[in-house]
C-alpha cells in the first residue's frame, strides 16, 4: 500500500513574510507570518503561546495602507517557535482586503510558475 498525504485544507496557503503584532490576555508579541490563507496563517515568533488561546492580530502587508486587523483568531496548533491561527472574526473591510491580497499573490505565484526557465 502506497503512502499518500491528504491535504484537507480548503484554501491554498501562500508562502509570505509579513510582520505581525498579536495579543491576547495577558500577552502581546511580535513575529512573522510565514504563510497565509483566507482562513488562517502560521506565525513564527520567540514568544510562548498556548494552543486554544484567542488572539487579535495586526498584519503589516506590503501595500502602503494601514495594517490588516484580524479581530479574533484561535491558536490551533503550536510547534517549537511556530503556531497556527484560525481566523474567526475578520471585519468586513479587512476581509475584502485579505481576499484581494491573497488573490494577487496567487496570480503572481501562477505567473512565476508558468514562466519558462
PDB file of N, CA and C in Angstrom:
ATOM      1  N   UNK A   1       0.846  -1.175   0.000  1.00  0.00           N
ATOM      2  CA  UNK A   1       0.000   0.000   0.000  1.00  0.00           C
ATOM      3  C   UNK A   1       0.895   1.243   0.000  1.00  0.00           C
ATOM      4  N   UNK A   2       0.631   2.158  -0.879  1.00  0.00           N
ATOM      5  CA  UNK A   2       1.446   3.358  -1.016  1.00  0.00           C
ATOM      6  C   UNK A   2       1.076   4.377   0.054  1.00  0.00           C
ATOM      7  N   UNK A   3       2.074   5.113   0.529  1.00  0.00           N
ATOM      8  CA  UNK A   3       1.817   6.210   1.471  1.00  0.00           C
ATOM      9  C   UNK A   3       1.282   7.393   0.693  1.00  0.00           C
ATOM     10  N   UNK A   4       0.175   7.917   1.119  1.00  0.00           N
ATOM     11  CA  UNK A   4      -0.367   9.118   0.490  1.00  0.00           C
ATOM     12  C   UNK A   4      -0.605  10.159   1.557  1.00  0.00           C
ATOM     13  N   UNK A   5      -0.361  11.395   1.197  1.00  0.00           N
ATOM     14  CA  UNK A   5      -0.604  12.519   2.092  1.00  0.00           C
ATOM     15  C   UNK A   5      -1.810  13.262   1.562  1.00  0.00           C
ATOM     16  N   UNK A   6      -2.790  13.444   2.407  1.00  0.00           N
ATOM     17  CA  UNK A   6      -4.003  14.143   2.015  1.00  0.00           C
ATOM     18  C   UNK A   6      -3.977  15.534   2.637  1.00  0.00           C
ATOM     19  N   UNK A   7      -4.185  16.549   1.816  1.00  0.00           N
ATOM     20  CA  UNK A   7      -4.274  17.924   2.294  1.00  0.00           C
ATOM     21  C   UNK A   7      -5.747  18.268   2.448  1.00  0.00           C
ATOM     22  N   UNK A   8      -6.192  18.394   3.689  1.00  0.00           N
ATOM     23  CA  UNK A   8      -7.594  18.654   3.971  1.00  0.00           C
ATOM     24  C   UNK A   8      -7.939  20.129   3.920  1.00  0.00           C
ATOM     25  N   UNK A   9      -6.968  20.976   3.655  1.00  0.00           N
ATOM     26  CA  UNK A   9      -7.240  22.406   3.623  1.00  0.00           C
ATOM     27  C   UNK A   9      -8.110  22.770   2.432  1.00  0.00           C
ATOM     28  N   UNK A  10      -9.040  23.644   2.677  1.00  0.00           N
ATOM     29  CA  UNK A  10      -9.934  24.100   1.618  1.00  0.00           C
ATOM     30  C   UNK A  10      -9.279  25.223   0.819  1.00  0.00           C
ATOM     31  N   UNK A  11      -8.550  26.102   1.501  1.00  0.00           N
ATOM     32  CA  UNK A  11      -7.945  27.265   0.857  1.00  0.00           C
ATOM     33  C   UNK A  11      -6.438  27.084   0.727  1.00  0.00           C
ATOM     34  N   UNK A  12      -5.922  27.502  -0.406  1.00  0.00           N
ATOM     35  CA  UNK A  12      -4.492  27.426  -0.680  1.00  0.00           C
ATOM     36  C   UNK A  12      -3.728  28.350   0.256  1.00  0.00           C
ATOM     37  N   UNK A  13      -2.627  27.875   0.817  1.00  0.00           N
ATOM     38  CA  UNK A  13      -1.774  28.707   1.668  1.00  0.00           C
ATOM     39  C   UNK A  13      -0.637  29.276   0.844  1.00  0.00           C
ATOM     40  N   UNK A  14      -0.362  30.538   1.053  1.00  0.00           N
ATOM     41  CA  UNK A  14       0.702  31.238   0.329  1.00  0.00           C
ATOM     42  C   UNK A  14       1.895  31.460   1.241  1.00  0.00           C
ATOM     43  N   UNK A  15       3.078  31.197   0.736  1.00  0.00           N
ATOM     44  CA  UNK A  15       4.296  31.497   1.491  1.00  0.00           C
ATOM     45  C   UNK A  15       4.548  32.995   1.430  1.00  0.00           C
ATOM     46  N   UNK A  16       4.652  33.625   2.592  1.00  0.00           N
ATOM     47  CA  UNK A  16       4.864  35.071   2.687  1.00  0.00           C
ATOM     48  C   UNK A  16       5.825  35.347   3.839  1.00  0.00           C
ATOM     49  N   UNK A  17       6.153  36.581   4.019  1.00  0.00           N
ATOM     50  CA  UNK A  17       6.944  37.023   5.176  1.00  0.00           C
ATOM     51  C   UNK A  17       6.428  38.389   5.593  1.00  0.00           C
ATOM     52  N   UNK A  18       5.280  38.401   6.282  1.00  0.00           N
ATOM     53  CA  UNK A  18       4.654  39.639   6.722  1.00  0.00           C
ATOM     54  C   UNK A  18       4.863  39.808   8.232  1.00  0.00           C
ATOM     55  N   UNK A  19       5.334  40.980   8.659  1.00  0.00           N
ATOM     56  CA  UNK A  19       5.423  41.231  10.105  1.00  0.00           C
ATOM     57  C   UNK A  19       4.029  41.251  10.726  1.00  0.00           C
ATOM     58  N   UNK A  20       3.937  40.786  11.975  1.00  0.00           N
ATOM     59  CA  UNK A  20       2.647  40.744  12.668  1.00  0.00           C
ATOM     60  C   UNK A  20       2.849  41.077  14.135  1.00  0.00           C
ATOM     61  N   UNK A  21       1.870  41.782  14.691  1.00  0.00           N
ATOM     62  CA  UNK A  21       1.791  42.017  16.131  1.00  0.00           C
ATOM     63  C   UNK A  21       0.519  41.304  16.576  1.00  0.00           C
ATOM     64  N   UNK A  22       0.618  40.528  17.644  1.00  0.00           N
ATOM     65  CA  UNK A  22      -0.538  39.779  18.112  1.00  0.00           C
ATOM     66  C   UNK A  22      -0.657  39.916  19.616  1.00  0.00           C
ATOM     67  N   UNK A  23      -1.852  39.728  20.115  1.00  0.00           N
ATOM     68  CA  UNK A  23      -2.051  39.828  21.555  1.00  0.00           C
ATOM     69  C   UNK A  23      -3.282  39.101  22.005  1.00  0.00           C
ATOM     70  N   UNK A  24      -3.216  38.662  23.229  1.00  0.00           N
ATOM     71  CA  UNK A  24      -4.329  38.004  23.889  1.00  0.00           C
ATOM     72  C   UNK A  24      -4.158  38.242  25.374  1.00  0.00           C
ATOM     73  N   UNK A  25      -5.111  37.840  26.160  1.00  0.00           N
ATOM     74  CA  UNK A  25      -4.985  38.058  27.602  1.00  0.00           C
ATOM     75  C   UNK A  25      -4.025  37.021  28.166  1.00  0.00           C
ATOM     76  N   UNK A  26      -2.967  37.367  28.808  1.00  0.00           N
ATOM     77  CA  UNK A  26      -2.449  38.701  29.131  1.00  0.00           C
ATOM     78  C   UNK A  26      -1.119  38.983  28.420  1.00  0.00           C
ATOM     79  N   UNK A  27      -0.979  38.740  27.123  1.00  0.00           N
ATOM     80  CA  UNK A  27       0.314  38.893  26.463  1.00  0.00           C
ATOM     81  C   UNK A  27       0.196  39.636  25.138  1.00  0.00           C
ATOM     82  N   UNK A  28       1.344  40.174  24.697  1.00  0.00           N
ATOM     83  CA  UNK A  28       1.494  40.784  23.388  1.00  0.00           C
ATOM     84  C   UNK A  28       2.799  40.268  22.819  1.00  0.00           C
ATOM     85  N   UNK A  29       2.833  40.013  21.520  1.00  0.00           N
ATOM     86  CA  UNK A  29       4.047  39.519  20.898  1.00  0.00           C
ATOM     87  C   UNK A  29       4.184  40.022  19.476  1.00  0.00           C
ATOM     88  N   UNK A  30       5.368  39.829  18.933  1.00  0.00           N
ATOM     89  CA  UNK A  30       5.656  40.181  17.546  1.00  0.00           C
ATOM     90  C   UNK A  30       6.226  38.964  16.859  1.00  0.00           C
ATOM     91  N   UNK A  31       6.008  38.880  15.553  1.00  0.00           N
ATOM     92  CA  UNK A  31       6.550  37.759  14.810  1.00  0.00           C
ATOM     93  C   UNK A  31       6.430  38.007  13.328  1.00  0.00           C
ATOM     94  N   UNK A  32       6.519  36.918  12.578  1.00  0.00           N
ATOM     95  CA  UNK A  32       6.414  36.974  11.129  1.00  0.00           C
ATOM     96  C   UNK A  32       5.443  35.906  10.665  1.00  0.00           C
ATOM     97  N   UNK A  33       4.515  36.317   9.819  1.00  0.00           N
ATOM     98  CA  UNK A  33       3.611  35.338   9.217  1.00  0.00           C
ATOM     99  C   UNK A  33       4.378  34.656   8.100  1.00  0.00           C
ATOM    100  N   UNK A  34       4.454  33.315   8.168  1.00  0.00           N
ATOM    101  CA  UNK A  34       5.212  32.572   7.159  1.00  0.00           C
ATOM    102  C   UNK A  34       4.315  32.036   6.049  1.00  0.00           C
ATOM    103  N   UNK A  35       3.036  31.870   6.328  1.00  0.00           N
ATOM    104  CA  UNK A  35       2.082  31.550   5.269  1.00  0.00           C
ATOM    105  C   UNK A  35       0.708  32.044   5.687  1.00  0.00           C
ATOM    106  N   UNK A  36      -0.110  32.297   4.677  1.00  0.00           N
ATOM    107  CA  UNK A  36      -1.426  32.868   4.943  1.00  0.00           C
ATOM    108  C   UNK A  36      -2.424  32.318   3.937  1.00  0.00           C
ATOM    109  N   UNK A  37      -3.669  32.193   4.378  1.00  0.00           N
ATOM    110  CA  UNK A  37      -4.775  31.819   3.501  1.00  0.00           C
ATOM    111  C   UNK A  37      -5.959  32.702   3.872  1.00  0.00           C
ATOM    112  N   UNK A  38      -7.094  32.445   3.260  1.00  0.00           N
ATOM    113  CA  UNK A  38      -8.284  33.225   3.578  1.00  0.00           C
ATOM    114  C   UNK A  38      -8.813  32.921   4.965  1.00  0.00           C
ATOM    115  N   UNK A  39      -8.420  31.783   5.545  1.00  0.00           N
ATOM    116  CA  UNK A  39      -8.988  31.367   6.818  1.00  0.00           C
ATOM    117  C   UNK A  39      -7.987  31.234   7.954  1.00  0.00           C
ATOM    118  N   UNK A  40      -6.704  31.516   7.689  1.00  0.00           N
ATOM    119  CA  UNK A  40      -5.733  31.388   8.767  1.00  0.00           C
ATOM    120  C   UNK A  40      -4.319  31.679   8.323  1.00  0.00           C
ATOM    121  N   UNK A  41      -3.392  31.480   9.257  1.00  0.00           N
ATOM    122  CA  UNK A  41      -1.987  31.740   8.967  1.00  0.00           C
ATOM    123  C   UNK A  41      -1.101  30.974   9.944  1.00  0.00           C
ATOM    124  N   UNK A  42       0.187  30.950   9.643  1.00  0.00           N
ATOM    125  CA  UNK A  42       1.202  30.431  10.556  1.00  0.00           C
ATOM    126  C   UNK A  42       2.084  31.591  10.968  1.00  0.00           C
ATOM    127  N   UNK A  43       2.436  31.636  12.253  1.00  0.00           N
ATOM    128  CA  UNK A  43       3.239  32.724  12.792  1.00  0.00           C
ATOM    129  C   UNK A  43       4.511  32.150  13.412  1.00  0.00           C
ATOM    130  N   UNK A  44       5.643  32.731  13.060  1.00  0.00           N
ATOM    131  CA  UNK A  44       6.923  32.401  13.697  1.00  0.00           C
ATOM    132  C   UNK A  44       7.237  33.508  14.686  1.00  0.00           C
ATOM    133  N   UNK A  45       7.592  33.128  15.923  1.00  0.00           N
ATOM    134  CA  UNK A  45       7.928  34.133  16.926  1.00  0.00           C
ATOM    135  C   UNK A  45       8.739  33.498  18.048  1.00  0.00           C
ATOM    136  N   UNK A  46       9.317  34.342  18.901  1.00  0.00           N
ATOM    137  CA  UNK A  46      10.094  33.882  20.043  1.00  0.00           C
ATOM    138  C   UNK A  46       9.231  33.716  21.294  1.00  0.00           C
ATOM    139  N   UNK A  47       7.993  34.078  21.216  1.00  0.00           N
ATOM    140  CA  UNK A  47       7.089  34.057  22.374  1.00  0.00           C
ATOM    141  C   UNK A  47       6.414  32.698  22.516  1.00  0.00           C
ATOM    142  N   UNK A  48       6.234  32.261  23.739  1.00  0.00           N
ATOM    143  CA  UNK A  48       5.499  31.031  24.010  1.00  0.00           C
ATOM    144  C   UNK A  48       4.008  31.343  24.042  1.00  0.00           C
ATOM    145  N   UNK A  49       3.237  30.579  23.276  1.00  0.00           N
ATOM    146  CA  UNK A  49       1.783  30.755  23.259  1.00  0.00           C
ATOM    147  C   UNK A  49       1.137  29.412  23.568  1.00  0.00           C
ATOM    148  N   UNK A  50      -0.101  29.451  23.984  1.00  0.00           N
ATOM    149  CA  UNK A  50      -0.821  28.229  24.338  1.00  0.00           C
ATOM    150  C   UNK A  50      -1.855  27.871  23.280  1.00  0.00           C
ATOM    151  N   UNK A  51      -1.853  26.611  22.870  1.00  0.00           N
ATOM    152  CA  UNK A  51      -2.858  26.136  21.939  1.00  0.00           C
ATOM    153  C   UNK A  51      -4.239  26.347  22.562  1.00  0.00           C
ATOM    154  N   UNK A  52      -5.180  26.831  21.761  1.00  0.00           N
ATOM    155  CA  UNK A  52      -6.525  27.084  22.239  1.00  0.00           C
ATOM    156  C   UNK A  52      -6.758  28.524  22.673  1.00  0.00           C
ATOM    157  N   UNK A  53      -5.674  29.314  22.775  1.00  0.00           N
ATOM    158  CA  UNK A  53      -5.815  30.721  23.153  1.00  0.00           C
ATOM    159  C   UNK A  53      -6.467  31.518  22.027  1.00  0.00           C
ATOM    160  N   UNK A  54      -7.143  32.580  22.414  1.00  0.00           N
ATOM    161  CA  UNK A  54      -7.723  33.512  21.446  1.00  0.00           C
ATOM    162  C   UNK A  54      -6.846  34.752  21.376  1.00  0.00           C
ATOM    163  N   UNK A  55      -6.619  35.244  20.160  1.00  0.00           N
ATOM    164  CA  UNK A  55      -5.753  36.402  19.969  1.00  0.00           C
ATOM    165  C   UNK A  55      -6.335  37.347  18.928  1.00  0.00           C
ATOM    166  N   UNK A  56      -5.793  38.568  18.923  1.00  0.00           N
ATOM    167  CA  UNK A  56      -6.036  39.558  17.882  1.00  0.00           C
ATOM    168  C   UNK A  56      -4.730  39.695  17.125  1.00  0.00           C
ATOM    169  N   UNK A  57      -4.797  39.988  15.832  1.00  0.00           N
ATOM    170  CA  UNK A  57      -3.587  40.145  15.033  1.00  0.00           C
ATOM    171  C   UNK A  57      -3.654  41.430  14.223  1.00  0.00           C
ATOM    172  N   UNK A  58      -2.510  42.061  14.060  1.00  0.00           N
ATOM    173  CA  UNK A  58      -2.368  43.215  13.192  1.00  0.00           C
ATOM    174  C   UNK A  58      -1.223  42.893  12.230  1.00  0.00           C
ATOM    175  N   UNK A  59      -1.574  42.641  10.966  1.00  0.00           N
ATOM    176  CA  UNK A  59      -0.619  42.175   9.957  1.00  0.00           C
ATOM    177  C   UNK A  59      -0.172  43.351   9.101  1.00  0.00           C
ATOM    178  N   UNK A  60       1.137  43.512   8.952  1.00  0.00           N
ATOM    179  CA  UNK A  60       1.678  44.575   8.114  1.00  0.00           C
ATOM    180  C   UNK A  60       1.890  44.030   6.704  1.00  0.00           C
ATOM    181  N   UNK A  61       0.945  44.337   5.825  1.00  0.00           N
ATOM    182  CA  UNK A  61       1.007  43.879   4.446  1.00  0.00           C
ATOM    183  C   UNK A  61       1.937  44.779   3.635  1.00  0.00           C
ATOM    184  N   UNK A  62       2.385  44.297   2.472  1.00  0.00           N
ATOM    185  CA  UNK A  62       3.336  45.098   1.688  1.00  0.00           C
ATOM    186  C   UNK A  62       2.750  46.356   1.058  1.00  0.00           C
ATOM    187  N   UNK A  63       1.426  46.486   1.009  1.00  0.00           N
ATOM    188  CA  UNK A  63       0.853  47.707   0.434  1.00  0.00           C
ATOM    189  C   UNK A  63       0.908  48.846   1.460  1.00  0.00           C
ATOM    190  N   UNK A  64       0.791  50.080   1.008  1.00  0.00           N
ATOM    191  CA  UNK A  64       1.020  51.237   1.896  1.00  0.00           C
ATOM    192  C   UNK A  64      -0.143  51.585   2.826  1.00  0.00           C
ATOM    193  N   UNK A  65      -1.245  50.875   2.771  1.00  0.00           N
ATOM    194  CA  UNK A  65      -2.374  51.212   3.642  1.00  0.00           C
ATOM    195  C   UNK A  65      -2.130  50.691   5.054  1.00  0.00           C
ATOM    196  N   UNK A  66      -3.088  50.924   5.924  1.00  0.00           N
ATOM    197  CA  UNK A  66      -2.938  50.519   7.321  1.00  0.00           C
ATOM    198  C   UNK A  66      -2.853  48.996   7.444  1.00  0.00           C
ATOM    199  N   UNK A  67      -2.489  48.541   8.625  1.00  0.00           N
ATOM    200  CA  UNK A  67      -2.326  47.104   8.836  1.00  0.00           C
ATOM    201  C   UNK A  67      -3.673  46.377   8.711  1.00  0.00           C
ATOM    202  N   UNK A  68      -3.587  45.086   8.421  1.00  0.00           N
ATOM    203  CA  UNK A  68      -4.759  44.232   8.322  1.00  0.00           C
ATOM    204  C   UNK A  68      -5.101  43.743   9.723  1.00  0.00           C
ATOM    205  N   UNK A  69      -6.305  44.050  10.193  1.00  0.00           N
ATOM    206  CA  UNK A  69      -6.684  43.712  11.554  1.00  0.00           C
ATOM    207  C   UNK A  69      -7.577  42.477  11.573  1.00  0.00           C
ATOM    208  N   UNK A  70      -7.128  41.443  12.267  1.00  0.00           N
ATOM    209  CA  UNK A  70      -7.924  40.243  12.498  1.00  0.00           C
ATOM    210  C   UNK A  70      -8.467  40.371  13.914  1.00  0.00           C
ATOM    211  N   UNK A  71      -9.759  40.564  14.024  1.00  0.00           N
ATOM    212  CA  UNK A  71     -10.400  40.852  15.309  1.00  0.00           C
ATOM    213  C   UNK A  71     -10.309  39.688  16.291  1.00  0.00           C
ATOM    214  N   UNK A  72     -10.432  38.454  15.785  1.00  0.00           N
ATOM    215  CA  UNK A  72     -10.373  37.290  16.660  1.00  0.00           C
ATOM    216  C   UNK A  72      -9.828  36.088  15.905  1.00  0.00           C
ATOM    217  N   UNK A  73      -8.809  35.480  16.479  1.00  0.00           N
ATOM    218  CA  UNK A  73      -8.250  34.255  15.936  1.00  0.00           C
ATOM    219  C   UNK A  73      -8.024  33.267  17.055  1.00  0.00           C
ATOM    220  N   UNK A  74      -7.976  31.982  16.708  1.00  0.00           N
ATOM    221  CA  UNK A  74      -7.737  30.947  17.705  1.00  0.00           C
ATOM    222  C   UNK A  74      -6.464  30.188  17.339  1.00  0.00           C
ATOM    223  N   UNK A  75      -5.591  30.017  18.323  1.00  0.00           N
ATOM    224  CA  UNK A  75      -4.363  29.263  18.106  1.00  0.00           C
ATOM    225  C   UNK A  75      -4.734  27.785  18.070  1.00  0.00           C
ATOM    226  N   UNK A  76      -4.575  27.162  16.908  1.00  0.00           N
ATOM    227  CA  UNK A  76      -4.996  25.787  16.692  1.00  0.00           C
ATOM    228  C   UNK A  76      -3.881  24.772  16.926  1.00  0.00           C
ATOM    229  N   UNK A  77      -2.621  25.181  16.721  1.00  0.00           N
ATOM    230  CA  UNK A  77      -1.501  24.275  16.958  1.00  0.00           C
ATOM    231  C   UNK A  77      -0.256  25.086  17.275  1.00  0.00           C
ATOM    232  N   UNK A  78       0.668  24.449  17.992  1.00  0.00           N
ATOM    233  CA  UNK A  78       1.935  25.080  18.360  1.00  0.00           C
ATOM    234  C   UNK A  78       3.031  24.044  18.150  1.00  0.00           C
ATOM    235  N   UNK A  79       4.099  24.444  17.462  1.00  0.00           N
ATOM    236  CA  UNK A  79       5.254  23.565  17.286  1.00  0.00           C
ATOM    237  C   UNK A  79       6.516  24.425  17.324  1.00  0.00           C
ATOM    238  N   UNK A  80       7.351  24.171  18.331  1.00  0.00           N
ATOM    239  CA  UNK A  80       8.573  24.949  18.535  1.00  0.00           C
ATOM    240  C   UNK A  80       8.232  26.433  18.583  1.00  0.00           C
ATOM    241  N   UNK A  81       8.761  27.209  17.637  1.00  0.00           N
ATOM    242  CA  UNK A  81       8.527  28.656  17.653  1.00  0.00           C
ATOM    243  C   UNK A  81       7.549  29.094  16.562  1.00  0.00           C
ATOM    244  N   UNK A  82       6.662  28.191  16.198  1.00  0.00           N
ATOM    245  CA  UNK A  82       5.653  28.477  15.180  1.00  0.00           C
ATOM    246  C   UNK A  82       4.288  28.055  15.704  1.00  0.00           C
ATOM    247  N   UNK A  83       3.269  28.827  15.373  1.00  0.00           N
ATOM    248  CA  UNK A  83       1.912  28.434  15.737  1.00  0.00           C
ATOM    249  C   UNK A  83       0.946  28.773  14.608  1.00  0.00           C
ATOM    250  N   UNK A  84      -0.146  28.026  14.550  1.00  0.00           N
ATOM    251  CA  UNK A  84      -1.156  28.226  13.522  1.00  0.00           C
ATOM    252  C   UNK A  84      -2.377  28.914  14.093  1.00  0.00           C
ATOM    253  N   UNK A  85      -2.913  29.852  13.341  1.00  0.00           N
ATOM    254  CA  UNK A  85      -4.074  30.634  13.772  1.00  0.00           C
ATOM    255  C   UNK A  85      -5.213  30.441  12.780  1.00  0.00           C
ATOM    256  N   UNK A  86      -6.389  30.139  13.310  1.00  0.00           N
ATOM    257  CA  UNK A  86      -7.603  30.129  12.506  1.00  0.00           C
ATOM    258  C   UNK A  86      -8.271  31.486  12.691  1.00  0.00           C
ATOM    259  N   UNK A  87      -8.594  32.154  11.574  1.00  0.00           N
ATOM    260  CA  UNK A  87      -9.292  33.429  11.653  1.00  0.00           C
ATOM    261  C   UNK A  87     -10.760  33.157  11.967  1.00  0.00           C
ATOM    262  N   UNK A  88     -11.242  33.721  13.060  1.00  0.00           N
ATOM    263  CA  UNK A  88     -12.631  33.508  13.469  1.00  0.00           C
ATOM    264  C   UNK A  88     -13.493  34.717  13.150  1.00  0.00           C
ATOM    265  N   UNK A  89     -12.985  35.910  13.480  1.00  0.00           N
ATOM    266  CA  UNK A  89     -13.763  37.131  13.216  1.00  0.00           C
ATOM    267  C   UNK A  89     -12.864  38.145  12.528  1.00  0.00           C
ATOM    268  N   UNK A  90     -13.233  38.479  11.279  1.00  0.00           N
ATOM    269  CA  UNK A  90     -12.480  39.445  10.476  1.00  0.00           C
ATOM    270  C   UNK A  90     -13.465  40.517  10.027  1.00  0.00           C
ATOM    271  N   UNK A  91     -13.208  41.786  10.377  1.00  0.00           N
ATOM    272  CA  UNK A  91     -14.112  42.855   9.934  1.00  0.00           C
ATOM    273  C   UNK A  91     -14.267  42.851   8.405  1.00  0.00           C
ATOM    274  N   UNK A  92     -15.419  43.299   7.931  1.00  0.00           N
ATOM    275  CA  UNK A  92     -15.750  43.229   6.508  1.00  0.00           C
ATOM    276  C   UNK A  92     -14.691  43.866   5.612  1.00  0.00           C
ATOM    277  N   UNK A  93     -14.240  45.077   5.943  1.00  0.00           N
ATOM    278  CA  UNK A  93     -13.227  45.732   5.105  1.00  0.00           C
ATOM    279  C   UNK A  93     -11.914  44.946   5.102  1.00  0.00           C
ATOM    280  N   UNK A  94     -11.550  44.407   6.256  1.00  0.00           N
ATOM    281  CA  UNK A  94     -10.328  43.593   6.342  1.00  0.00           C
ATOM    282  C   UNK A  94     -10.492  42.313   5.527  1.00  0.00           C
ATOM    283  N   UNK A  95     -11.682  41.719   5.546  1.00  0.00           N
ATOM    284  CA  UNK A  95     -11.951  40.503   4.759  1.00  0.00           C
ATOM    285  C   UNK A  95     -11.764  40.764   3.279  1.00  0.00           C
ATOM    286  N   UNK A  96     -12.297  41.888   2.785  1.00  0.00           N
ATOM    287  CA  UNK A  96     -12.150  42.246   1.375  1.00  0.00           C
ATOM    288  C   UNK A  96     -10.675  42.459   1.026  1.00  0.00           C
ATOM    289  N   UNK A  97      -9.973  43.113   1.907  1.00  0.00           N
ATOM    290  CA  UNK A  97      -8.550  43.362   1.668  1.00  0.00           C
ATOM    291  C   UNK A  97      -7.758  42.053   1.672  1.00  0.00           C
ATOM    292  N   UNK A  98      -8.041  41.169   2.613  1.00  0.00           N
ATOM    293  CA  UNK A  98      -7.382  39.868   2.664  1.00  0.00           C
ATOM    294  C   UNK A  98      -7.675  39.088   1.384  1.00  0.00           C
ATOM    295  N   UNK A  99      -8.913  39.092   0.934  1.00  0.00           N
ATOM    296  CA  UNK A  99      -9.277  38.415  -0.321  1.00  0.00           C
ATOM    297  C   UNK A  99      -8.450  38.960  -1.482  1.00  0.00           C
ATOM    298  N   UNK A 100      -8.323  40.288  -1.556  1.00  0.00           N
ATOM    299  CA  UNK A 100      -7.585  40.928  -2.638  1.00  0.00           C
ATOM    300  C   UNK A 100      -6.095  40.569  -2.589  1.00  0.00           C
ATOM    301  N   UNK A 101      -5.510  40.634  -1.400  1.00  0.00           N
ATOM    302  CA  UNK A 101      -4.080  40.326  -1.250  1.00  0.00           C
ATOM    303  C   UNK A 101      -3.800  38.877  -1.622  1.00  0.00           C
ATOM    304  N   UNK A 102      -4.634  37.955  -1.130  1.00  0.00           N
ATOM    305  CA  UNK A 102      -4.426  36.533  -1.430  1.00  0.00           C
ATOM    306  C   UNK A 102      -4.585  36.274  -2.924  1.00  0.00           C
ATOM    307  N   UNK A 103      -5.608  36.854  -3.555  1.00  0.00           N
ATOM    308  CA  UNK A 103      -5.801  36.620  -4.995  1.00  0.00           C
ATOM    309  C   UNK A 103      -4.649  37.212  -5.808  1.00  0.00           C
ATOM    310  N   UNK A 104      -4.118  38.383  -5.404  1.00  0.00           N
ATOM    311  CA  UNK A 104      -2.969  38.970  -6.102  1.00  0.00           C
ATOM    312  C   UNK A 104      -1.734  38.090  -5.954  1.00  0.00           C
ATOM    313  N   UNK A 105      -1.500  37.567  -4.752  1.00  0.00           N
ATOM    314  CA  UNK A 105      -0.346  36.695  -4.510  1.00  0.00           C
ATOM    315  C   UNK A 105      -0.482  35.389  -5.293  1.00  0.00           C
ATOM    316  N   UNK A 106      -1.697  34.839  -5.355  1.00  0.00           N
ATOM    317  CA  UNK A 106      -1.918  33.616  -6.128  1.00  0.00           C
ATOM    318  C   UNK A 106      -1.649  33.850  -7.613  1.00  0.00           C
ATOM    319  N   UNK A 107      -2.095  34.998  -8.126  1.00  0.00           N
ATOM    320  CA  UNK A 107      -1.850  35.319  -9.542  1.00  0.00           C
ATOM    321  C   UNK A 107      -0.365  35.475  -9.802  1.00  0.00           C
ATOM    322  N   UNK A 108       0.343  36.140  -8.892  1.00  0.00           N
ATOM    323  CA  UNK A 108       1.778  36.318  -9.041  1.00  0.00           C
ATOM    324  C   UNK A 108       2.487  34.967  -8.996  1.00  0.00           C
ATOM    325  N   UNK A 109       2.088  34.116  -8.066  1.00  0.00           N
ATOM    326  CA  UNK A 109       2.673  32.779  -7.953  1.00  0.00           C
ATOM    327  C   UNK A 109       2.431  31.967  -9.219  1.00  0.00           C
ATOM    328  N   UNK A 110       1.219  32.052  -9.780  1.00  0.00           N
ATOM    329  CA  UNK A 110       0.887  31.323 -11.009  1.00  0.00           C
ATOM    330  C   UNK A 110       1.725  31.825 -12.171  1.00  0.00           C
ATOM    331  N   UNK A 111       1.920  33.150 -12.255  1.00  0.00           N
ATOM    332  CA  UNK A 111       2.741  33.713 -13.324  1.00  0.00           C
ATOM    333  C   UNK A 111       4.186  33.275 -13.213  1.00  0.00           C
ATOM    334  N   UNK A 112       4.712  33.221 -11.989  1.00  0.00           N
ATOM    335  CA  UNK A 112       6.095  32.801 -11.797  1.00  0.00           C
ATOM    336  C   UNK A 112       6.285  31.336 -12.162  1.00  0.00           C
ATOM    337  N   UNK A 113       5.285  30.514 -11.876  1.00  0.00           N
ATOM    338  CA  UNK A 113       5.379  29.094 -12.198  1.00  0.00           C
ATOM    339  C   UNK A 113       5.250  28.822 -13.687  1.00  0.00           C
ATOM    340  N   UNK A 114       4.548  29.714 -14.418  1.00  0.00           N
ATOM    341  CA  UNK A 114       4.327  29.478 -15.847  1.00  0.00           C
ATOM    342  C   UNK A 114       5.418  30.068 -16.738  1.00  0.00           C
ATOM    343  N   UNK A 115       6.332  30.843 -16.167  1.00  0.00           N
ATOM    344  CA  UNK A 115       7.408  31.442 -16.955  1.00  0.00           C
ATOM    345  C   UNK A 115       8.462  30.384 -17.239  1.00  0.00           C
ATOM    346  N   UNK A 116       8.814  30.157 -18.533  1.00  0.00           N
ATOM    347  CA  UNK A 116       9.847  29.159 -18.852  1.00  0.00           C
ATOM    348  C   UNK A 116      11.216  29.600 -18.355  1.00  0.00           C
ATOM    349  N   UNK A 117      12.002  28.643 -17.914  1.00  0.00           N
ATOM    350  CA  UNK A 117      13.348  28.944 -17.377  1.00  0.00           C
ATOM    351  C   UNK A 117      14.343  29.191 -18.473  1.00  0.00           C
TER     352      UNK A 117
END
